Amino acid sequence: MASCLPRFRRWVLLWSACTLTLLALGGADAFAYTFTPLDGPGASATNAYGINALGQIVGAYVGTDGLVHGFVREPEGTFTTIDAPGAFATSATDINEQGQIVGFYFDGSSVHGYLAVP
């Protein structure tokens, strides 16, 4: 294992040098992104976990009530909260092109997976 560490360090140094070279040569545009905030209503924290080809985004946020709520955000910005019945925490982790959402929730005794169908 100890013999792999020097190789790993060389790889990290080589990767860093290549990245810096690309940035210096004007390759910075390849790393430029547009960021869109996805915060839930009054959220203190928001995580996005999945997006489909239609631009619908799913994830979870901590609401003003202190609970974790799942969400789906439509491409035009409509934000819909998803709460599994009886759950203390719900998280939406993926969405397909039909709008079917999968995720998990905690009901106080166990964590459960779910499928939500529109």
PDB file of N, CA and C in Angstrom:
ATOM      1  N   MET A   1       0.821  -1.193   0.000  1.00  0.00           N
ATOM      2  CA  MET A   1       0.000   0.000   0.000  1.00  0.00           C
ATOM      3  C   MET A   1       0.861   1.251   0.000  1.00  0.00           C
ATOM      4  N   ALA A   2       1.961   1.234   0.763  1.00  0.00           N
ATOM      5  CA  ALA A   2       2.831   2.399   0.863  1.00  0.00           C
ATOM      6  C   ALA A   2       3.454   2.728  -0.485  1.00  0.00           C
ATOM      7  N   SER A   3       3.685   1.712  -1.332  1.00  0.00           N
ATOM      8  CA  SER A   3       4.292   1.975  -2.631  1.00  0.00           C
ATOM      9  C   SER A   3       3.328   2.677  -3.582  1.00  0.00           C
ATOM     10  N   CYS A   4       2.029   2.576  -3.344  1.00  0.00           N
ATOM     11  CA  CYS A   4       1.037   3.240  -4.186  1.00  0.00           C
ATOM     12  C   CYS A   4       0.935   4.736  -3.887  1.00  0.00           C
ATOM     13  N   LEU A   5       1.264   5.132  -2.671  1.00  0.00           N
ATOM     14  CA  LEU A   5       1.120   6.522  -2.274  1.00  0.00           C
ATOM     15  C   LEU A   5       1.969   7.465  -3.117  1.00  0.00           C
ATOM     16  N   PRO A   6       3.259   7.179  -3.360  1.00  0.00           N
ATOM     17  CA  PRO A   6       4.027   8.087  -4.217  1.00  0.00           C
ATOM     18  C   PRO A   6       3.436   8.194  -5.624  1.00  0.00           C
ATOM     19  N   ARG A   7       2.927   7.079  -6.166  1.00  0.00           N
ATOM     20  CA  ARG A   7       2.295   7.118  -7.491  1.00  0.00           C
ATOM     21  C   ARG A   7       1.056   7.993  -7.479  1.00  0.00           C
ATOM     22  N   PHE A   8       0.268   7.877  -6.418  1.00  0.00           N
ATOM     23  CA  PHE A   8      -0.940   8.690  -6.290  1.00  0.00           C
ATOM     24  C   PHE A   8      -0.579  10.162  -6.214  1.00  0.00           C
ATOM     25  N   ARG A   9       0.425  10.500  -5.437  1.00  0.00           N
ATOM     26  CA  ARG A   9       0.860  11.899  -5.336  1.00  0.00           C
ATOM     27  C   ARG A   9       1.309  12.426  -6.686  1.00  0.00           C
ATOM     28  N   ARG A  10       2.050  11.610  -7.438  1.00  0.00           N
ATOM     29  CA  ARG A  10       2.481  12.037  -8.786  1.00  0.00           C
ATOM     30  C   ARG A  10       1.268  12.277  -9.679  1.00  0.00           C
ATOM     31  N   TRP A  11       0.267  11.384  -9.570  1.00  0.00           N
ATOM     32  CA  TRP A  11      -0.934  11.540 -10.388  1.00  0.00           C
ATOM     33  C   TRP A  11      -1.654  12.838 -10.035  1.00  0.00           C
ATOM     34  N   VAL A  12      -1.804  13.135  -8.742  1.00  0.00           N
ATOM     35  CA  VAL A  12      -2.462  14.363  -8.296  1.00  0.00           C
ATOM     36  C   VAL A  12      -1.690  15.580  -8.792  1.00  0.00           C
ATOM     37  N   LEU A  13      -0.363  15.551  -8.690  1.00  0.00           N
ATOM     38  CA  LEU A  13       0.453  16.676  -9.176  1.00  0.00           C
ATOM     39  C   LEU A  13       0.313  16.839 -10.682  1.00  0.00           C
ATOM     40  N   LEU A  14       0.319  15.727 -11.427  1.00  0.00           N
ATOM     41  CA  LEU A  14       0.163  15.790 -12.883  1.00  0.00           C
ATOM     42  C   LEU A  14      -1.207  16.346 -13.254  1.00  0.00           C
ATOM     43  N   TRP A  15      -2.258  15.856 -12.584  1.00  0.00           N
ATOM     44  CA  TRP A  15      -3.605  16.352 -12.848  1.00  0.00           C
ATOM     45  C   TRP A  15      -3.695  17.840 -12.556  1.00  0.00           C
ATOM     46  N   SER A  16      -3.138  18.277 -11.438  1.00  0.00           N
ATOM     47  CA  SER A  16      -3.158  19.699 -11.076  1.00  0.00           C
ATOM     48  C   SER A  16      -2.418  20.536 -12.104  1.00  0.00           C
ATOM     49  N   ALA A  17      -1.268  20.058 -12.539  1.00  0.00           N
ATOM     50  CA  ALA A  17      -0.486  20.795 -13.524  1.00  0.00           C
ATOM     51  C   ALA A  17      -1.249  20.909 -14.840  1.00  0.00           C
ATOM     52  N   CYS A  18      -1.895  19.832 -15.266  1.00  0.00           N
ATOM     53  CA  CYS A  18      -2.679  19.870 -16.515  1.00  0.00           C
ATOM     54  C   CYS A  18      -3.852  20.839 -16.397  1.00  0.00           C
ATOM     55  N   THR A  19      -4.534  20.809 -15.264  1.00  0.00           N
ATOM     56  CA  THR A  19      -5.668  21.710 -15.049  1.00  0.00           C
ATOM     57  C   THR A  19      -5.216  23.162 -15.082  1.00  0.00           C
ATOM     58  N   LEU A  20      -4.147  23.467 -14.389  1.00  0.00           N
ATOM     59  CA  LEU A  20      -3.632  24.841 -14.382  1.00  0.00           C
ATOM     60  C   LEU A  20      -3.184  25.270 -15.761  1.00  0.00           C
ATOM     61  N   THR A  21      -2.580  24.358 -16.520  1.00  0.00           N
ATOM     62  CA  THR A  21      -2.158  24.676 -17.888  1.00  0.00           C
ATOM     63  C   THR A  21      -3.363  24.983 -18.763  1.00  0.00           C
ATOM     64  N   LEU A  22      -4.414  24.171 -18.670  1.00  0.00           N
ATOM     65  CA  LEU A  22      -5.623  24.430 -19.456  1.00  0.00           C
ATOM     66  C   LEU A  22      -6.238  25.782 -19.103  1.00  0.00           C
ATOM     67  N   LEU A  23      -6.278  26.102 -17.829  1.00  0.00           N
ATOM     68  CA  LEU A  23      -6.822  27.392 -17.406  1.00  0.00           C
ATOM     69  C   LEU A  23      -5.971  28.536 -17.951  1.00  0.00           C
ATOM     70  N   ALA A  24      -4.661  28.375 -17.909  1.00  0.00           N
ATOM     71  CA  ALA A  24      -3.762  29.420 -18.397  1.00  0.00           C
ATOM     72  C   ALA A  24      -3.874  29.602 -19.901  1.00  0.00           C
ATOM     73  N   LEU A  25      -4.218  28.547 -20.620  1.00  0.00           N
ATOM     74  CA  LEU A  25      -4.333  28.626 -22.083  1.00  0.00           C
ATOM     75  C   LEU A  25      -5.724  29.054 -22.543  1.00  0.00           C
ATOM     76  N   GLY A  26      -6.569  29.444 -21.621  1.00  0.00           N
ATOM     77  CA  GLY A  26      -7.900  29.905 -21.998  1.00  0.00           C
ATOM     78  C   GLY A  26      -8.950  28.828 -21.942  1.00  0.00           C
ATOM     79  N   GLY A  27      -8.644  27.698 -21.374  1.00  0.00           N
ATOM     80  CA  GLY A  27      -9.610  26.614 -21.260  1.00  0.00           C
ATOM     81  C   GLY A  27     -10.590  26.820 -20.125  1.00  0.00           C
ATOM     82  N   ALA A  28     -10.569  27.974 -19.496  1.00  0.00           N
ATOM     83  CA  ALA A  28     -11.456  28.224 -18.358  1.00  0.00           C
ATOM     84  C   ALA A  28     -12.916  28.163 -18.761  1.00  0.00           C
ATOM     85  N   ASP A  29     -13.233  28.481 -20.034  1.00  0.00           N
ATOM     86  CA  ASP A  29     -14.622  28.429 -20.480  1.00  0.00           C
ATOM     87  C   ASP A  29     -15.207  27.027 -20.370  1.00  0.00           C
ATOM     88  N   ALA A  30     -14.363  26.008 -20.457  1.00  0.00           N
ATOM     89  CA  ALA A  30     -14.838  24.632 -20.340  1.00  0.00           C
ATOM     90  C   ALA A  30     -15.358  24.348 -18.940  1.00  0.00           C
ATOM     91  N   PHE A  31     -14.976  25.171 -17.962  1.00  0.00           N
ATOM     92  CA  PHE A  31     -15.386  24.959 -16.587  1.00  0.00           C
ATOM     93  C   PHE A  31     -16.452  25.953 -16.147  1.00  0.00           C
ATOM     94  N   ALA A  32     -16.944  26.782 -17.054  1.00  0.00           N
ATOM     95  CA  ALA A  32     -17.932  27.802 -16.705  1.00  0.00           C
ATOM     96  C   ALA A  32     -19.338  27.200 -16.754  1.00  0.00           C
ATOM     97  N   TYR A  33     -20.097  27.425 -15.708  1.00  0.00           N
ATOM     98  CA  TYR A  33     -21.472  26.943 -15.621  1.00  0.00           C
ATOM     99  C   TYR A  33     -22.371  28.096 -15.205  1.00  0.00           C
ATOM    100  N   THR A  34     -23.658  27.972 -15.498  1.00  0.00           N
ATOM    101  CA  THR A  34     -24.654  28.893 -14.989  1.00  0.00           C
ATOM    102  C   THR A  34     -25.315  28.208 -13.799  1.00  0.00           C
ATOM    103  N   PHE A  35     -25.380  28.881 -12.682  1.00  0.00           N
ATOM    104  CA  PHE A  35     -25.960  28.304 -11.475  1.00  0.00           C
ATOM    105  C   PHE A  35     -27.334  28.906 -11.212  1.00  0.00           C
ATOM    106  N   THR A  36     -28.300  28.044 -10.910  1.00  0.00           N
ATOM    107  CA  THR A  36     -29.655  28.454 -10.590  1.00  0.00           C
ATOM    108  C   THR A  36     -29.990  27.953  -9.184  1.00  0.00           C
ATOM    109  N   PRO A  37     -30.273  28.843  -8.242  1.00  0.00           N
ATOM    110  CA  PRO A  37     -30.647  28.388  -6.897  1.00  0.00           C
ATOM    111  C   PRO A  37     -31.945  27.581  -6.939  1.00  0.00           C
ATOM    112  N   LEU A  38     -32.011  26.531  -6.142  1.00  0.00           N
ATOM    113  CA  LEU A  38     -33.186  25.646  -6.108  1.00  0.00           C
ATOM    114  C   LEU A  38     -33.799  25.580  -4.721  1.00  0.00           C
ATOM    115  N   ASP A  39     -33.595  26.594  -3.909  1.00  0.00           N
ATOM    116  CA  ASP A  39     -34.026  26.555  -2.516  1.00  0.00           C
ATOM    117  C   ASP A  39     -35.536  26.416  -2.370  1.00  0.00           C
ATOM    118  N   GLY A  40     -35.922  25.536  -1.443  1.00  0.00           N
ATOM    119  CA  GLY A  40     -37.323  25.361  -1.116  1.00  0.00           C
ATOM    120  C   GLY A  40     -37.842  26.554  -0.339  1.00  0.00           C
ATOM    121  N   PRO A  41     -39.153  26.646  -0.160  1.00  0.00           N
ATOM    122  CA  PRO A  41     -39.737  27.780   0.554  1.00  0.00           C
ATOM    123  C   PRO A  41     -39.238  27.862   2.001  1.00  0.00           C
ATOM    124  N   GLY A  42     -38.498  28.903   2.301  1.00  0.00           N
ATOM    125  CA  GLY A  42     -37.957  29.100   3.640  1.00  0.00           C
ATOM    126  C   GLY A  42     -36.900  28.085   4.036  1.00  0.00           C
ATOM    127  N   ALA A  43     -36.311  27.403   3.069  1.00  0.00           N
ATOM    128  CA  ALA A  43     -35.366  26.322   3.355  1.00  0.00           C
ATOM    129  C   ALA A  43     -34.090  26.826   3.998  1.00  0.00           C
ATOM    130  N   SER A  44     -33.600  26.053   4.977  1.00  0.00           N
ATOM    131  CA  SER A  44     -32.294  26.351   5.563  1.00  0.00           C
ATOM    132  C   SER A  44     -31.204  25.533   4.883  1.00  0.00           C
ATOM    133  N   ALA A  45     -31.587  24.497   4.149  1.00  0.00           N
ATOM    134  CA  ALA A  45     -30.657  23.676   3.368  1.00  0.00           C
ATOM    135  C   ALA A  45     -31.446  22.991   2.264  1.00  0.00           C
ATOM    136  N   THR A  46     -30.857  22.876   1.087  1.00  0.00           N
ATOM    137  CA  THR A  46     -31.507  22.213  -0.042  1.00  0.00           C
ATOM    138  C   THR A  46     -30.490  21.347  -0.762  1.00  0.00           C
ATOM    139  N   ASN A  47     -30.888  20.122  -1.127  1.00  0.00           N
ATOM    140  CA  ASN A  47     -30.049  19.223  -1.925  1.00  0.00           C
ATOM    141  C   ASN A  47     -30.836  18.787  -3.148  1.00  0.00           C
ATOM    142  N   ALA A  48     -30.223  18.877  -4.311  1.00  0.00           N
ATOM    143  CA  ALA A  48     -30.812  18.356  -5.550  1.00  0.00           C
ATOM    144  C   ALA A  48     -30.155  17.017  -5.836  1.00  0.00           C
ATOM    145  N   TYR A  49     -30.976  16.004  -6.166  1.00  0.00           N
ATOM    146  CA  TYR A  49     -30.448  14.662  -6.368  1.00  0.00           C
ATOM    147  C   TYR A  49     -30.631  14.120  -7.781  1.00  0.00           C
ATOM    148  N   GLY A  50     -31.639  14.595  -8.511  1.00  0.00           N
ATOM    149  CA  GLY A  50     -31.884  14.023  -9.825  1.00  0.00           C
ATOM    150  C   GLY A  50     -32.544  15.014 -10.761  1.00  0.00           C
ATOM    151  N   ILE A  51     -32.346  14.779 -12.064  1.00  0.00           N
ATOM    152  CA  ILE A  51     -32.961  15.610 -13.104  1.00  0.00           C
ATOM    153  C   ILE A  51     -33.288  14.699 -14.277  1.00  0.00           C
ATOM    154  N   ASN A  52     -34.403  14.956 -14.943  1.00  0.00           N
ATOM    155  CA  ASN A  52     -34.741  14.160 -16.119  1.00  0.00           C
ATOM    156  C   ASN A  52     -34.544  14.991 -17.390  1.00  0.00           C
ATOM    157  N   ALA A  53     -34.798  14.381 -18.522  1.00  0.00           N
ATOM    158  CA  ALA A  53     -34.584  15.047 -19.812  1.00  0.00           C
ATOM    159  C   ALA A  53     -35.522  16.239 -20.022  1.00  0.00           C
ATOM    160  N   LEU A  54     -36.611  16.304 -19.264  1.00  0.00           N
ATOM    161  CA  LEU A  54     -37.548  17.421 -19.370  1.00  0.00           C
ATOM    162  C   LEU A  54     -37.123  18.617 -18.520  1.00  0.00           C
ATOM    163  N   GLY A  55     -36.090  18.424 -17.692  1.00  0.00           N
ATOM    164  CA  GLY A  55     -35.609  19.501 -16.834  1.00  0.00           C
ATOM    165  C   GLY A  55     -36.259  19.535 -15.461  1.00  0.00           C
ATOM    166  N   GLN A  56     -37.039  18.520 -15.115  1.00  0.00           N
ATOM    167  CA  GLN A  56     -37.619  18.432 -13.773  1.00  0.00           C
ATOM    168  C   GLN A  56     -36.526  17.975 -12.810  1.00  0.00           C
ATOM    169  N   ILE A  57     -36.422  18.646 -11.671  1.00  0.00           N
ATOM    170  CA  ILE A  57     -35.369  18.368 -10.695  1.00  0.00           C
ATOM    171  C   ILE A  57     -36.015  17.908  -9.396  1.00  0.00           C
ATOM    172  N   VAL A  58     -35.435  16.875  -8.781  1.00  0.00           N
ATOM    173  CA  VAL A  58     -35.924  16.386  -7.495  1.00  0.00           C
ATOM    174  C   VAL A  58     -34.821  16.459  -6.453  1.00  0.00           C
ATOM    175  N   GLY A  59     -35.249  16.519  -5.180  1.00  0.00           N
ATOM    176  CA  GLY A  59     -34.287  16.576  -4.089  1.00  0.00           C
ATOM    177  C   GLY A  59     -34.994  16.653  -2.760  1.00  0.00           C
ATOM    178  N   ALA A  60     -34.339  17.310  -1.802  1.00  0.00           N
ATOM    179  CA  ALA A  60     -34.888  17.457  -0.461  1.00  0.00           C
ATOM    180  C   ALA A  60     -34.428  18.781   0.128  1.00  0.00           C
ATOM    181  N   TYR A  61     -35.228  19.316   1.041  1.00  0.00           N
ATOM    182  CA  TYR A  61     -34.862  20.552   1.726  1.00  0.00           C
ATOM    183  C   TYR A  61     -35.329  20.499   3.175  1.00  0.00           C
ATOM    184  N   VAL A  62     -34.670  21.274   4.019  1.00  0.00           N
ATOM    185  CA  VAL A  62     -35.074  21.417   5.411  1.00  0.00           C
ATOM    186  C   VAL A  62     -35.960  22.648   5.485  1.00  0.00           C
ATOM    187  N   GLY A  63     -37.211  22.445   5.861  1.00  0.00           N
ATOM    188  CA  GLY A  63     -38.188  23.531   5.895  1.00  0.00           C
ATOM    189  C   GLY A  63     -38.128  24.346   7.174  1.00  0.00           C
ATOM    190  N   THR A  64     -38.961  25.361   7.238  1.00  0.00           N
ATOM    191  CA  THR A  64     -39.024  26.219   8.419  1.00  0.00           C
ATOM    192  C   THR A  64     -39.503  25.448   9.647  1.00  0.00           C
ATOM    193  N   ASP A  65     -40.166  24.298   9.413  1.00  0.00           N
ATOM    194  CA  ASP A  65     -40.623  23.446  10.511  1.00  0.00           C
ATOM    195  C   ASP A  65     -39.524  22.532  11.039  1.00  0.00           C
ATOM    196  N   GLY A  66     -38.337  22.595  10.419  1.00  0.00           N
ATOM    197  CA  GLY A  66     -37.216  21.762  10.837  1.00  0.00           C
ATOM    198  C   GLY A  66     -37.241  20.356  10.276  1.00  0.00           C
ATOM    199  N   LEU A  67     -38.268  20.022   9.494  1.00  0.00           N
ATOM    200  CA  LEU A  67     -38.379  18.691   8.901  1.00  0.00           C
ATOM    201  C   LEU A  67     -37.788  18.675   7.495  1.00  0.00           C
ATOM    202  N   VAL A  68     -37.429  17.478   7.046  1.00  0.00           N
ATOM    203  CA  VAL A  68     -36.907  17.301   5.697  1.00  0.00           C
ATOM    204  C   VAL A  68     -38.069  16.950   4.777  1.00  0.00           C
ATOM    205  N   HIS A  69     -38.188  17.690   3.685  1.00  0.00           N
ATOM    206  CA  HIS A  69     -39.259  17.502   2.712  1.00  0.00           C
ATOM    207  C   HIS A  69     -38.644  17.208   1.342  1.00  0.00           C
ATOM    208  N   GLY A  70     -39.253  16.294   0.603  1.00  0.00           N
ATOM    209  CA  GLY A  70     -38.841  16.077  -0.771  1.00  0.00           C
ATOM    210  C   GLY A  70     -39.433  17.175  -1.636  1.00  0.00           C
ATOM    211  N   PHE A  71     -38.884  17.320  -2.858  1.00  0.00           N
ATOM    212  CA  PHE A  71     -39.454  18.302  -3.776  1.00  0.00           C
ATOM    213  C   PHE A  71     -39.235  17.884  -5.218  1.00  0.00           C
ATOM    214  N   VAL A  72     -40.081  18.453  -6.076  1.00  0.00           N
ATOM    215  CA  VAL A  72     -39.863  18.428  -7.516  1.00  0.00           C
ATOM    216  C   VAL A  72     -39.983  19.869  -7.993  1.00  0.00           C
ATOM    217  N   ARG A  73     -39.025  20.294  -8.798  1.00  0.00           N
ATOM    218  CA  ARG A  73     -39.026  21.653  -9.356  1.00  0.00           C
ATOM    219  C   ARG A  73     -39.170  21.529 -10.866  1.00  0.00           C
ATOM    220  N   GLU A  74     -40.185  22.190 -11.390  1.00  0.00           N
ATOM    221  CA  GLU A  74     -40.441  22.177 -12.829  1.00  0.00           C
ATOM    222  C   GLU A  74     -39.474  23.134 -13.528  1.00  0.00           C
ATOM    223  N   PRO A  75     -39.240  22.945 -14.824  1.00  0.00           N
ATOM    224  CA  PRO A  75     -38.293  23.797 -15.550  1.00  0.00           C
ATOM    225  C   PRO A  75     -38.614  25.292 -15.463  1.00  0.00           C
ATOM    226  N   GLU A  76     -39.903  25.655 -15.393  1.00  0.00           N
ATOM    227  CA  GLU A  76     -40.265  27.077 -15.340  1.00  0.00           C
ATOM    228  C   GLU A  76     -40.167  27.643 -13.926  1.00  0.00           C
ATOM    229  N   GLY A  77     -39.853  26.772 -12.922  1.00  0.00           N
ATOM    230  CA  GLY A  77     -39.632  27.248 -11.568  1.00  0.00           C
ATOM    231  C   GLY A  77     -40.663  26.832 -10.543  1.00  0.00           C
ATOM    232  N   THR A  78     -41.784  26.216 -10.958  1.00  0.00           N
ATOM    233  CA  THR A  78     -42.781  25.758  -9.993  1.00  0.00           C
ATOM    234  C   THR A  78     -42.145  24.737  -9.058  1.00  0.00           C
ATOM    235  N   PHE A  79     -42.340  24.931  -7.775  1.00  0.00           N
ATOM    236  CA  PHE A  79     -41.723  24.105  -6.739  1.00  0.00           C
ATOM    237  C   PHE A  79     -42.828  23.387  -5.972  1.00  0.00           C
ATOM    238  N   THR A  80     -42.812  22.053  -5.980  1.00  0.00           N
ATOM    239  CA  THR A  80     -43.828  21.267  -5.295  1.00  0.00           C
ATOM    240  C   THR A  80     -43.186  20.417  -4.206  1.00  0.00           C
ATOM    241  N   THR A  81     -43.696  20.526  -2.993  1.00  0.00           N
ATOM    242  CA  THR A  81     -43.202  19.740  -1.868  1.00  0.00           C
ATOM    243  C   THR A  81     -43.790  18.339  -1.921  1.00  0.00           C
ATOM    244  N   ILE A  82     -42.962  17.333  -1.588  1.00  0.00           N
ATOM    245  CA  ILE A  82     -43.394  15.937  -1.535  1.00  0.00           C
ATOM    246  C   ILE A  82     -43.157  15.433  -0.119  1.00  0.00           C
ATOM    247  N   ASP A  83     -44.226  15.032   0.556  1.00  0.00           N
ATOM    248  CA  ASP A  83     -44.129  14.449   1.886  1.00  0.00           C
ATOM    249  C   ASP A  83     -44.842  13.103   1.881  1.00  0.00           C
ATOM    250  N   ALA A  84     -44.123  12.037   2.202  1.00  0.00           N
ATOM    251  CA  ALA A  84     -44.750  10.726   2.305  1.00  0.00           C
ATOM    252  C   ALA A  84     -45.688  10.727   3.514  1.00  0.00           C
ATOM    253  N   PRO A  85     -46.826  10.065   3.424  1.00  0.00           N
ATOM    254  CA  PRO A  85     -47.773  10.031   4.553  1.00  0.00           C
ATOM    255  C   PRO A  85     -47.126   9.489   5.822  1.00  0.00           C
ATOM    256  N   GLY A  86     -47.244  10.223   6.921  1.00  0.00           N
ATOM    257  CA  GLY A  86     -46.714   9.796   8.209  1.00  0.00           C
ATOM    258  C   GLY A  86     -45.212   9.924   8.370  1.00  0.00           C
ATOM    259  N   ALA A  87     -44.548  10.572   7.409  1.00  0.00           N
ATOM    260  CA  ALA A  87     -43.082  10.659   7.446  1.00  0.00           C
ATOM    261  C   ALA A  87     -42.593  11.882   8.214  1.00  0.00           C
ATOM    262  N   PHE A  88     -41.453  11.702   8.889  1.00  0.00           N
ATOM    263  CA  PHE A  88     -40.763  12.821   9.529  1.00  0.00           C
ATOM    264  C   PHE A  88     -39.762  13.440   8.563  1.00  0.00           C
ATOM    265  N   ALA A  89     -39.311  12.644   7.589  1.00  0.00           N
ATOM    266  CA  ALA A  89     -38.350  13.112   6.589  1.00  0.00           C
ATOM    267  C   ALA A  89     -38.626  12.387   5.291  1.00  0.00           C
ATOM    268  N   THR A  90     -38.675  13.136   4.197  1.00  0.00           N
ATOM    269  CA  THR A  90     -38.889  12.573   2.866  1.00  0.00           C
ATOM    270  C   THR A  90     -37.831  13.126   1.936  1.00  0.00           C
ATOM    271  N   SER A  91     -37.278  12.282   1.090  1.00  0.00           N
ATOM    272  CA  SER A  91     -36.287  12.717   0.114  1.00  0.00           C
ATOM    273  C   SER A  91     -36.638  12.119  -1.239  1.00  0.00           C
ATOM    274  N   ALA A  92     -36.664  12.949  -2.275  1.00  0.00           N
ATOM    275  CA  ALA A  92     -36.875  12.488  -3.644  1.00  0.00           C
ATOM    276  C   ALA A  92     -35.501  12.384  -4.296  1.00  0.00           C
ATOM    277  N   THR A  93     -35.152  11.205  -4.790  1.00  0.00           N
ATOM    278  CA  THR A  93     -33.791  11.003  -5.286  1.00  0.00           C
ATOM    279  C   THR A  93     -33.660  10.879  -6.801  1.00  0.00           C
ATOM    280  N   ASP A  94     -34.749  10.571  -7.504  1.00  0.00           N
ATOM    281  CA  ASP A  94     -34.662  10.480  -8.964  1.00  0.00           C
ATOM    282  C   ASP A  94     -36.043  10.627  -9.576  1.00  0.00           C
ATOM    283  N   ILE A  95     -36.061  11.000 -10.859  1.00  0.00           N
ATOM    284  CA  ILE A  95     -37.310  11.205 -11.592  1.00  0.00           C
ATOM    285  C   ILE A  95     -37.102  10.769 -13.039  1.00  0.00           C
ATOM    286  N   ASN A  96     -38.105  10.082 -13.602  1.00  0.00           N
ATOM    287  CA  ASN A  96     -37.994   9.695 -15.006  1.00  0.00           C
ATOM    288  C   ASN A  96     -38.814  10.645 -15.887  1.00  0.00           C
ATOM    289  N   GLU A  97     -38.818  10.401 -17.189  1.00  0.00           N
ATOM    290  CA  GLU A  97     -39.500  11.301 -18.120  1.00  0.00           C
ATOM    291  C   GLU A  97     -41.019  11.278 -17.980  1.00  0.00           C
ATOM    292  N   GLN A  98     -41.573  10.256 -17.328  1.00  0.00           N
ATOM    293  CA  GLN A  98     -43.018  10.198 -17.071  1.00  0.00           C
ATOM    294  C   GLN A  98     -43.379  10.925 -15.774  1.00  0.00           C
ATOM    295  N   GLY A  99     -42.383  11.476 -15.085  1.00  0.00           N
ATOM    296  CA  GLY A  99     -42.634  12.190 -13.835  1.00  0.00           C
ATOM    297  C   GLY A  99     -42.732  11.291 -12.624  1.00  0.00           C
ATOM    298  N   GLN A 100     -42.432  10.007 -12.775  1.00  0.00           N
ATOM    299  CA  GLN A 100     -42.440   9.083 -11.647  1.00  0.00           C
ATOM    300  C   GLN A 100     -41.197   9.360 -10.796  1.00  0.00           C
ATOM    301  N   ILE A 101     -41.408   9.482  -9.495  1.00  0.00           N
ATOM    302  CA  ILE A 101     -40.336   9.852  -8.578  1.00  0.00           C
ATOM    303  C   ILE A 101     -40.068   8.704  -7.621  1.00  0.00           C
ATOM    304  N   VAL A 102     -38.801   8.422  -7.377  1.00  0.00           N
ATOM    305  CA  VAL A 102     -38.410   7.456  -6.357  1.00  0.00           C
ATOM    306  C   VAL A 102     -37.600   8.176  -5.299  1.00  0.00           C
ATOM    307  N   GLY A 103     -37.627   7.607  -4.105  1.00  0.00           N
ATOM    308  CA  GLY A 103     -36.870   8.203  -3.015  1.00  0.00           C
ATOM    309  C   GLY A 103     -37.027   7.372  -1.769  1.00  0.00           C
ATOM    310  N   PHE A 104     -36.834   8.026  -0.620  1.00  0.00           N
ATOM    311  CA  PHE A 104     -36.967   7.336   0.647  1.00  0.00           C
ATOM    312  C   PHE A 104     -37.560   8.269   1.691  1.00  0.00           C
ATOM    313  N   TYR A 105     -38.123   7.676   2.747  1.00  0.00           N
ATOM    314  CA  TYR A 105     -38.674   8.475   3.837  1.00  0.00           C
ATOM    315  C   TYR A 105     -38.462   7.751   5.155  1.00  0.00           C
ATOM    316  N   PHE A 106     -38.476   8.515   6.238  1.00  0.00           N
ATOM    317  CA  PHE A 106     -38.321   8.001   7.592  1.00  0.00           C
ATOM    318  C   PHE A 106     -39.606   8.279   8.347  1.00  0.00           C
ATOM    319  N   ASP A 107     -40.199   7.242   8.936  1.00  0.00           N
ATOM    320  CA  ASP A 107     -41.476   7.398   9.638  1.00  0.00           C
ATOM    321  C   ASP A 107     -41.352   7.329  11.155  1.00  0.00           C
ATOM    322  N   GLY A 108     -40.136   7.396  11.669  1.00  0.00           N
ATOM    323  CA  GLY A 108     -39.922   7.332  13.110  1.00  0.00           C
ATOM    324  C   GLY A 108     -39.447   5.984  13.583  1.00  0.00           C
ATOM    325  N   SER A 109     -39.681   4.950  12.776  1.00  0.00           N
ATOM    326  CA  SER A 109     -39.229   3.617  13.176  1.00  0.00           C
ATOM    327  C   SER A 109     -38.290   2.985  12.158  1.00  0.00           C
ATOM    328  N   SER A 110     -38.422   3.374  10.892  1.00  0.00           N
ATOM    329  CA  SER A 110     -37.630   2.749   9.855  1.00  0.00           C
ATOM    330  C   SER A 110     -37.539   3.668   8.621  1.00  0.00           C
ATOM    331  N   VAL A 111     -36.593   3.365   7.759  1.00  0.00           N
ATOM    332  CA  VAL A 111     -36.468   4.077   6.478  1.00  0.00           C
ATOM    333  C   VAL A 111     -37.110   3.203   5.414  1.00  0.00           C
ATOM    334  N   HIS A 112     -37.932   3.818   4.564  1.00  0.00           N
ATOM    335  CA  HIS A 112     -38.671   3.104   3.517  1.00  0.00           C
ATOM    336  C   HIS A 112     -38.382   3.759   2.172  1.00  0.00           C
ATOM    337  N   GLY A 113     -38.341   2.938   1.123  1.00  0.00           N
ATOM    338  CA  GLY A 113     -38.286   3.461  -0.227  1.00  0.00           C
ATOM    339  C   GLY A 113     -39.694   3.724  -0.715  1.00  0.00           C
ATOM    340  N   TYR A 114     -39.819   4.596  -1.723  1.00  0.00           N
ATOM    341  CA  TYR A 114     -41.149   4.848  -2.279  1.00  0.00           C
ATOM    342  C   TYR A 114     -41.074   5.155  -3.777  1.00  0.00           C
ATOM    343  N   LEU A 115     -42.209   4.986  -4.424  1.00  0.00           N
ATOM    344  CA  LEU A 115     -42.433   5.403  -5.809  1.00  0.00           C
ATOM    345  C   LEU A 115     -43.660   6.294  -5.793  1.00  0.00           C
ATOM    346  N   ALA A 116     -43.516   7.519  -6.272  1.00  0.00           N
ATOM    347  CA  ALA A 116     -44.641   8.446  -6.381  1.00  0.00           C
ATOM    348  C   ALA A 116     -44.969   8.615  -7.859  1.00  0.00           C
ATOM    349  N   VAL A 117     -46.227   8.362  -8.216  1.00  0.00           N
ATOM    350  CA  VAL A 117     -46.675   8.420  -9.599  1.00  0.00           C
ATOM    351  C   VAL A 117     -47.659   9.575  -9.738  1.00  0.00           C
ATOM    352  N   PRO A 118     -47.441  10.460 -10.728  1.00  0.00           N
ATOM    353  CA  PRO A 118     -48.375  11.598 -10.896  1.00  0.00           C
ATOM    354  C   PRO A 118     -49.758  11.148 -11.353  1.00  0.00           C
TER     355      PRO A 118
END
